[in-house]
Amino acid sequence: MHILAIETSCDETAAAVVEDGKTIRSNIIASQVEIHARYGGIVPEVASRQHMLTIVPVMEQALREANMNLGEMDALAVTRGPGLAGSLIVGVNFAKALALTNHLPITGINHLEGHIYANWLGTTKPELPCLCLIVSGGHSDMILMEDHGKFRKLGNTRDDAAGEAFDKGARILGLPYPGGPSIQKATHGVATSLTLPRAWLKESDDFSFSGVKTALLHLVEGKGPVDYTWIKEAAAAFQDAIVEVLVTKTIQAAIRLNVKQILLAGGVASNSALRARFLADSSIPVLIPPPVLCTDNAAMIACCAYYHRATGDGNGDDLDVIPGLALG
C-alpha cells in the first residue's frame, strides 16, 4: 500500500510517500524557519499563506522522488489537528481536493499520534504497551499506548511546553529563534556550575516549565552585563533542568506502569542532550526516531494512516480540521 501524506499543522509544508507503513519512498519538508525568525516566533497568518505557495510544488517533489504518480497511490492522508487553524485548513482542503479528483480514500490524522508513529519507520519496531513522551513547541504530553489506536493521557504541561520554554529561554539569553537548536548549539561541550530549579510536581505525571524560565530571567537580570561564555553556561543550566525533569518523570512512570518500551516523539526529541540522557538513564528500552523524523514531517502521518486503514478507519467529504484535537 502506497500512501501520499500531507502535513501543514504549523510552519512546515510537508509531503511524503510511504510504502506499507514502513518504507519511506520520499519525505519532503519546506521549512519556514527563516521567514518567522525575523519576528522571533511563528506568525499564523504568514504560515498559512506560505503553505498555499508551497504545497503544490512540495507534493509534486514528493511524487518525483518516489518515482510515482497520483494514479499509483492507494490512499491519501492529511493532518487534521492539533495545530494552527489556518495552516490545517490549507492542508486538509488540498488533500480533500486530491482525493476527490483522483478517486482516492482519505484519512485525517492526529498530529500527535503521527509523531508517535515516527517510531515505526525505523528498523526496530516498538513493542506494546509502551509509554510515549511527546515533546514539542506546543506539547509536553506523557501518553500510555496500550495498542494501535488505544491511547491514555497520563500527564501534560500545566503551563509552557518544553519547546516553548526553550524558545523563551533563548530569547532571555539573546540567542536566535528557534530556541531549541540555538540552546543545543550554545551548550555543546559546556560544563556549568550554575543550577536552576526543577518543578517535580510529585504524585503527578504533569510537567511545568514556567518556573525554570522565570528563574533564568532572574538569573540574567541579577548578573548584569555578561559575556558569551557565561551565556553558554546559563543555557546549559537551563537545558539540564528541562531535560532532567522530562527524563526522570518519564522513566518513573514507565517503571510504575511496567511498559515494554519508552518512545520519544516531537521536535524536542531531536535534542541531543535529551536523547543521550534517556539512553544513559533508562533501564527500559528507549526508541527515538532520527532527528528529521522528530520534527514535523509527512512520513509519520503516512505511517500512522497505514495503521488506521488496516482497521478500516477512514474519512470522507466530511473531513474537517480540529485545531484543538486531543490524543488519549
Protein backbone atom coordinates (compact mmCIF):
# COMPACT_ATOMS: atom_id res chain seq x y z
CA MET A 1 0.00 0.00 0.00
CA HIS A 2 1.35 3.40 -1.03
CA ILE A 3 0.08 6.41 0.92
CA LEU A 4 0.69 10.04 -0.01
CA ALA A 5 0.53 12.22 3.11
CA ILE A 6 0.27 15.98 3.61
CA GLU A 7 1.36 17.78 6.80
CA THR A 8 0.70 21.51 7.41
CA SER A 9 -0.09 21.74 11.12
CA CYS A 10 2.28 24.63 11.87
CA ASP A 11 5.07 26.18 9.82
CA GLU A 12 6.44 23.27 7.78
CA THR A 13 4.84 22.29 4.48
CA ALA A 14 5.49 18.58 4.06
CA ALA A 15 4.55 15.72 1.76
CA ALA A 16 5.71 12.10 1.74
CA VAL A 17 5.10 8.75 0.11
CA VAL A 18 5.36 5.73 2.41
CA GLU A 19 5.03 2.09 1.39
CA ASP A 20 3.31 -0.43 3.70
CA GLY A 21 3.65 1.86 6.69
CA LYS A 22 7.42 1.38 6.98
CA THR A 23 9.39 2.23 3.81
CA ILE A 24 9.88 5.93 3.10
CA ARG A 25 9.84 6.46 -0.67
CA SER A 26 10.08 10.24 -0.26
CA ASN A 27 9.84 12.78 2.56
CA ILE A 28 9.88 16.46 1.52
CA ILE A 29 9.83 19.30 4.05
CA ALA A 30 9.70 23.02 3.19
CA SER A 31 10.66 24.92 6.34
CA GLN A 32 9.53 28.46 7.15
CA VAL A 33 12.10 28.99 9.92
CA GLU A 34 13.92 31.82 8.15
CA ILE A 35 10.64 33.61 7.43
CA HIS A 36 9.43 33.54 11.04
CA ALA A 37 12.87 34.16 12.59
CA ARG A 38 12.59 37.86 11.74
CA TYR A 39 9.52 38.03 14.03
CA GLY A 40 11.02 35.91 16.81
CA GLY A 41 8.22 33.34 16.53
CA ILE A 42 5.56 31.88 14.28
CA VAL A 43 3.02 34.28 12.78
CA PRO A 44 -0.07 32.15 11.98
CA GLU A 45 -1.32 34.22 9.03
CA VAL A 46 2.14 34.24 7.44
CA ALA A 47 2.41 30.48 7.96
CA SER A 48 -0.90 29.71 6.23
CA ARG A 49 -0.11 31.95 3.26
CA GLN A 50 3.28 30.29 2.84
CA HIS A 51 1.62 26.85 2.87
CA MET A 52 -0.58 28.00 -0.02
CA LEU A 53 2.50 28.98 -2.01
CA THR A 54 4.49 25.79 -1.43
CA ILE A 55 2.04 22.91 -1.02
CA VAL A 56 1.74 22.06 -4.73
CA PRO A 57 5.49 22.05 -5.51
CA VAL A 58 6.21 20.11 -2.29
CA MET A 59 3.64 17.44 -3.21
CA GLU A 60 4.99 17.23 -6.77
CA GLN A 61 8.55 16.85 -5.49
CA ALA A 62 7.45 14.05 -3.13
CA LEU A 63 5.93 12.14 -6.06
CA ARG A 64 9.02 12.72 -8.25
CA GLU A 65 11.42 11.45 -5.59
CA ALA A 66 9.20 8.41 -5.04
CA ASN A 67 9.22 7.90 -8.83
CA MET A 68 5.44 7.52 -8.72
CA ASN A 69 2.31 9.42 -9.73
CA LEU A 70 -1.06 10.05 -8.10
CA GLY A 71 -2.62 7.21 -10.06
CA GLU A 72 -0.31 4.77 -8.28
CA MET A 73 -1.35 5.90 -4.80
CA ASP A 74 -3.68 3.66 -2.80
CA ALA A 75 -4.76 6.33 -0.30
CA LEU A 76 -4.18 9.86 0.95
CA ALA A 77 -3.56 11.07 4.48
CA VAL A 78 -3.53 14.54 5.98
CA THR A 79 -3.05 16.13 9.39
CA ARG A 80 -6.39 17.39 10.72
CA GLY A 81 -5.20 18.68 14.11
CA PRO A 82 -4.00 19.82 16.52
CA GLY A 83 -2.30 22.87 15.08
CA LEU A 84 -2.83 26.35 13.69
CA ALA A 85 -6.31 26.59 12.18
CA GLY A 86 -5.26 28.43 9.01
CA SER A 87 -2.36 26.09 8.35
CA LEU A 88 -4.50 22.99 8.88
CA ILE A 89 -7.21 24.29 6.54
CA VAL A 90 -4.71 24.64 3.69
CA GLY A 91 -3.52 21.05 4.02
CA VAL A 92 -6.91 19.43 4.60
CA ASN A 93 -8.66 21.23 1.73
CA PHE A 94 -5.79 20.45 -0.62
CA ALA A 95 -5.82 16.77 0.33
CA LYS A 96 -9.61 16.55 0.01
CA ALA A 97 -9.40 18.04 -3.48
CA LEU A 98 -6.76 15.49 -4.45
CA ALA A 99 -8.88 12.66 -3.05
CA LEU A 100 -11.99 13.80 -4.91
CA THR A 101 -10.34 14.36 -8.29
CA ASN A 102 -8.30 11.13 -8.14
CA HIS A 103 -10.97 8.91 -6.54
CA LEU A 104 -8.75 8.04 -3.57
CA PRO A 105 -9.75 7.27 0.03
CA ILE A 106 -8.52 9.77 2.61
CA THR A 107 -7.69 9.56 6.32
CA GLY A 108 -7.42 12.51 8.69
CA ILE A 109 -4.63 12.02 11.23
CA ASN A 110 -3.98 13.40 14.70
CA HIS A 111 -0.65 15.22 14.51
CA LEU A 112 0.43 13.95 17.94
CA GLU A 113 -0.38 10.37 17.01
CA GLY A 114 1.66 10.87 13.86
CA HIS A 115 4.67 11.90 15.95
CA ILE A 116 4.39 8.65 17.91
CA TYR A 117 4.26 6.61 14.70
CA ALA A 118 7.57 8.07 13.54
CA ASN A 119 9.00 5.31 15.74
CA TRP A 120 7.50 2.68 13.39
CA LEU A 121 9.62 3.99 10.49
CA GLY A 122 12.85 2.64 11.94
CA THR A 123 14.42 -0.79 11.74
CA THR A 124 13.41 -1.65 15.32
CA LYS A 125 9.66 -1.95 15.77
CA PRO A 126 8.13 -0.75 19.06
CA GLU A 127 6.65 -3.24 21.48
CA LEU A 128 3.29 -2.58 23.13
CA PRO A 129 2.30 -1.44 25.66
CA CYS A 130 4.69 1.49 25.63
CA LEU A 131 4.99 4.90 27.21
CA CYS A 132 5.20 7.82 24.78
CA LEU A 133 6.72 11.19 25.62
CA ILE A 134 5.65 13.81 23.07
CA VAL A 135 7.72 16.98 23.46
CA SER A 136 7.42 19.88 21.03
CA GLY A 137 6.79 23.61 20.86
CA GLY A 138 3.17 23.19 21.86
CA HIS A 139 3.07 19.91 23.75
CA SER A 140 4.72 18.05 26.60
CA ASP A 141 2.48 15.00 26.91
CA MET A 142 3.00 11.63 28.56
CA ILE A 143 0.82 9.04 26.80
CA LEU A 144 0.29 5.35 27.53
CA MET A 145 -0.13 3.46 24.26
CA GLU A 146 -1.75 0.13 25.07
CA ASP A 147 -2.40 -0.91 21.45
CA HIS A 148 -2.78 0.64 18.00
CA GLY A 149 -5.42 3.33 18.31
CA LYS A 150 -5.67 2.93 22.09
CA PHE A 151 -4.11 5.84 23.98
CA ARG A 152 -4.45 7.16 27.53
CA LYS A 153 -3.07 10.54 28.53
CA LEU A 154 -1.21 10.38 31.84
CA GLY A 155 0.04 13.93 32.05
CA ASN A 156 0.82 17.12 30.17
CA THR A 157 2.31 20.53 30.78
CA ARG A 158 0.49 22.84 33.14
CA ASP A 159 1.99 25.93 31.52
CA ASP A 160 4.80 26.17 28.96
CA ALA A 161 5.59 23.18 26.77
CA ALA A 162 9.26 22.16 26.65
CA GLY A 163 9.80 23.60 23.16
CA GLU A 164 8.04 26.83 24.11
CA ALA A 165 10.26 27.07 27.19
CA PHE A 166 13.38 26.64 25.04
CA ASP A 167 12.21 29.44 22.72
CA LYS A 168 11.54 31.79 25.64
CA GLY A 169 14.77 30.83 27.39
CA ALA A 170 16.77 31.53 24.25
CA ARG A 171 15.11 34.94 23.94
CA ILE A 172 16.06 35.76 27.54
CA LEU A 173 19.68 34.83 26.76
CA GLY A 174 19.75 36.76 23.50
CA LEU A 175 20.06 33.60 21.38
CA PRO A 176 18.30 33.39 17.99
CA TYR A 177 14.98 31.72 17.15
CA PRO A 178 14.22 28.83 17.14
CA GLY A 179 15.39 28.44 20.71
CA GLY A 180 15.87 24.68 20.96
CA PRO A 181 18.55 24.38 18.26
CA SER A 182 20.21 27.62 19.44
CA ILE A 183 20.50 26.39 23.03
CA GLN A 184 21.74 22.98 21.91
CA LYS A 185 24.43 24.63 19.78
CA ALA A 186 25.46 27.02 22.56
CA THR A 187 25.73 24.25 25.16
CA HIS A 188 27.73 21.77 23.11
CA GLY A 189 30.65 20.60 25.26
CA VAL A 190 29.84 23.11 28.01
CA ALA A 191 30.11 22.17 31.70
CA THR A 192 28.32 24.58 34.00
CA SER A 193 28.41 25.28 37.74
CA LEU A 194 25.10 27.15 37.54
CA THR A 195 21.90 25.43 38.70
CA LEU A 196 18.24 26.22 38.15
CA PRO A 197 15.18 24.81 39.96
CA ARG A 198 13.19 21.75 38.86
CA ALA A 199 9.42 21.52 39.20
CA TRP A 200 8.83 17.87 40.11
CA LEU A 201 5.06 18.07 40.75
CA LYS A 202 5.19 14.97 42.91
CA GLU A 203 2.38 12.39 42.68
CA SER A 204 1.59 13.70 39.19
CA ASP A 205 2.73 12.92 35.65
CA ASP A 206 2.31 16.57 34.67
CA PHE A 207 5.14 18.93 33.76
CA SER A 208 5.76 22.62 34.48
CA PHE A 209 8.49 24.74 32.90
CA SER A 210 7.35 28.30 33.62
CA GLY A 211 9.24 28.34 36.93
CA VAL A 212 12.64 27.47 35.44
CA LYS A 213 12.05 30.08 32.73
CA THR A 214 11.36 32.74 35.39
CA ALA A 215 14.41 31.60 37.38
CA LEU A 216 16.55 32.03 34.25
CA LEU A 217 15.19 35.55 33.77
CA HIS A 218 16.04 36.48 37.37
CA LEU A 219 19.50 34.94 36.96
CA VAL A 220 20.20 37.06 33.88
CA GLU A 221 18.75 40.24 35.39
CA GLY A 222 20.79 39.77 38.55
CA LYS A 223 24.05 39.22 36.68
CA GLY A 224 24.25 42.47 34.77
CA PRO A 225 26.50 42.62 31.68
CA VAL A 226 27.61 39.13 30.64
CA ASP A 227 29.88 37.61 28.02
CA TYR A 228 29.10 34.71 25.69
CA THR A 229 30.91 32.20 27.93
CA TRP A 230 28.51 32.95 30.79
CA ILE A 231 25.52 32.82 28.42
CA LYS A 232 26.57 29.32 27.34
CA GLU A 233 26.80 28.21 30.97
CA ALA A 234 23.36 29.66 31.73
CA ALA A 235 21.92 27.94 28.65
CA ALA A 236 23.45 24.64 29.80
CA ALA A 237 21.89 25.01 33.25
CA PHE A 238 18.51 25.79 31.67
CA GLN A 239 18.71 22.80 29.31
CA ASP A 240 19.82 20.50 32.14
CA ALA A 241 16.81 21.48 34.26
CA ILE A 242 14.31 20.75 31.48
CA VAL A 243 15.98 17.52 30.38
CA GLU A 244 16.31 16.10 33.90
CA VAL A 245 12.61 16.58 34.65
CA LEU A 246 11.47 15.08 31.32
CA VAL A 247 13.72 12.05 31.62
CA THR A 248 13.23 11.32 35.32
CA LYS A 249 9.44 11.63 35.38
CA THR A 250 9.03 9.56 32.20
CA ILE A 251 11.26 6.74 33.43
CA GLN A 252 9.48 6.69 36.80
CA ALA A 253 6.09 6.39 35.07
CA ALA A 254 7.38 3.67 32.71
CA ILE A 255 8.60 1.59 35.65
CA ARG A 256 5.35 2.12 37.55
CA LEU A 257 3.25 1.02 34.56
CA ASN A 258 5.57 -1.88 33.64
CA VAL A 259 5.65 -0.98 29.94
CA LYS A 260 7.91 -2.71 27.45
CA GLN A 261 9.41 0.42 25.89
CA ILE A 262 9.64 4.19 26.04
CA LEU A 263 9.03 6.07 22.79
CA LEU A 264 10.18 9.66 22.27
CA ALA A 265 8.38 11.89 19.79
CA GLY A 266 8.13 15.53 18.73
CA GLY A 267 10.60 18.21 17.74
CA VAL A 268 12.29 18.47 21.15
CA ALA A 269 13.10 14.74 20.90
CA SER A 270 15.80 15.77 18.42
CA ASN A 271 17.67 17.50 21.28
CA SER A 272 20.97 15.65 21.71
CA ALA A 273 21.14 16.13 25.50
CA LEU A 274 17.64 14.70 25.95
CA ARG A 275 18.39 11.72 23.72
CA ALA A 276 21.69 10.96 25.44
CA ARG A 277 20.25 11.17 28.95
CA PHE A 278 17.33 8.87 28.14
CA LEU A 279 19.65 6.25 26.68
CA ALA A 280 22.03 6.53 29.64
CA ASP A 281 19.49 6.56 32.47
CA SER A 282 16.69 4.22 31.41
CA SER A 283 16.65 0.54 32.32
CA ILE A 284 13.67 0.20 29.95
CA PRO A 285 14.46 0.15 26.19
CA VAL A 286 14.10 3.59 24.61
CA LEU A 287 13.27 4.22 20.94
CA ILE A 288 13.97 7.62 19.41
CA PRO A 289 13.39 8.49 15.73
CA PRO A 290 16.22 10.16 13.79
CA PRO A 291 16.06 13.95 14.15
CA VAL A 292 14.46 14.52 10.72
CA LEU A 293 11.52 12.34 11.81
CA CYS A 294 11.20 14.08 15.20
CA THR A 295 10.39 17.47 13.71
CA ASP A 296 7.18 17.93 11.71
CA ASN A 297 7.13 15.73 8.61
CA ALA A 298 4.61 13.88 6.43
CA ALA A 299 6.21 10.42 6.55
CA MET A 300 4.98 9.97 10.12
CA ILE A 301 1.46 10.94 9.00
CA ALA A 302 1.54 8.37 6.21
CA CYS A 303 2.79 5.67 8.58
CA CYS A 304 0.03 6.43 11.09
CA ALA A 305 -2.58 6.37 8.31
CA TYR A 306 -1.43 2.91 7.25
CA TYR A 307 -2.39 1.51 10.65
CA HIS A 308 -5.70 3.36 10.59
CA ARG A 309 -6.55 1.96 7.18
CA ALA A 310 -5.59 -1.55 8.30
CA THR A 311 -8.59 -1.38 10.66
CA GLY A 312 -10.90 0.18 8.07
CA ASP A 313 -10.66 3.66 9.57
CA GLY A 314 -11.04 6.46 7.03
CA ASN A 315 -12.83 9.72 6.27
CA GLY A 316 -14.96 11.16 3.51
CA ASP A 317 -16.18 14.57 2.37
CA ASP A 318 -16.98 15.48 5.99
CA LEU A 319 -13.29 15.55 6.97
CA ASP A 320 -12.58 18.85 8.71
CA VAL A 321 -9.84 20.45 10.80
CA ILE A 322 -9.86 20.29 14.62
CA PRO A 323 -7.20 22.78 15.86
CA GLY A 324 -7.56 21.59 19.47
CA LEU A 325 -7.68 17.86 18.68
CA ALA A 326 -6.60 15.81 21.71
CA LEU A 327 -4.97 12.40 21.98
CA GLY A 328 -5.98 9.96 24.70
